[in-house]
Amino acid sequence: MDFYLTAPDGSRLHFPINPERITVEAGNKTQTYSIVNLGDIVIPRGIVPARFSFEGFFPGELRKNASYVKDWRHPKELINLLERWKNNNTKLRLLVTETTINHDVYFDGEGSLQYEFKGGHGDCYYSLKLIEARNLVVMAENELKTKVSASSKGKTTTKRPTPPPPKIYTVKPGDSLWAIAKKTLGDGSKWKTIYELNKKVIGPDPNKIRPGMQLRIS
């Protein structure tokens, strides 16, 4: 199992030591109506964005060669990266391999990133709170009227065809499958499609891509 946070620009944090656990909070919004002779009736009114929280530590330089440390980077570098993403309100991709967690997320408000340097090894202990990102589509009044008018007349509208994606992509330093899917297909969540097309080249771990690899996109 591996934990990753990836930004749209391709920058990525591969957590060098897995957190002990990750907590996911998910649920539905409901509306309650009081009906005479029936009592309260609860009706679902949409989905609440999922929240993710976990904590762990970034190992200091004295631990960088330990067998349990993956992709060691200095704790200060990792904290600076998290701070930059948080301060810029960057939408990130949270991926936890071997689980169903693969979501666009934002930092979840005040206290979403906390950290402390302590101990004799230079370790940095952190806690993260993230919230699922949702796209908000706002239609102008004239767009809404046009859509309603077309619907009432039974007319259908067609989307402008999108240009075909490149058939072959050469992996660059810092790339991830999510970033490649975002760049070539316009949707980072389609990384699994690229992986399935190139599983023989990449191998069993989708995160083990290397610069120079030739990946089939379509």
Foldseek 3Di string as FASTA:
>chain_A
DWKKKAFLVLAIDTQFADFPDKDKDWDFDWDWDQDPPPGIDIDTDGIDWMKIKTKDKQWAPVCCPPPSTDPHDHPVVVVVVVVVCQVVQTFIWIDDPPDPRTATKTFDDPPQWDWDFDDDGRMIIIMGMITGDDDDDDDDPVRVVVVVVCVVVVHDDDDDDDDQFDFKDFDDPSHALLSVCCVGVVGSVCSVVQCVQCCVPQDPDRGRDDGGDITTDD
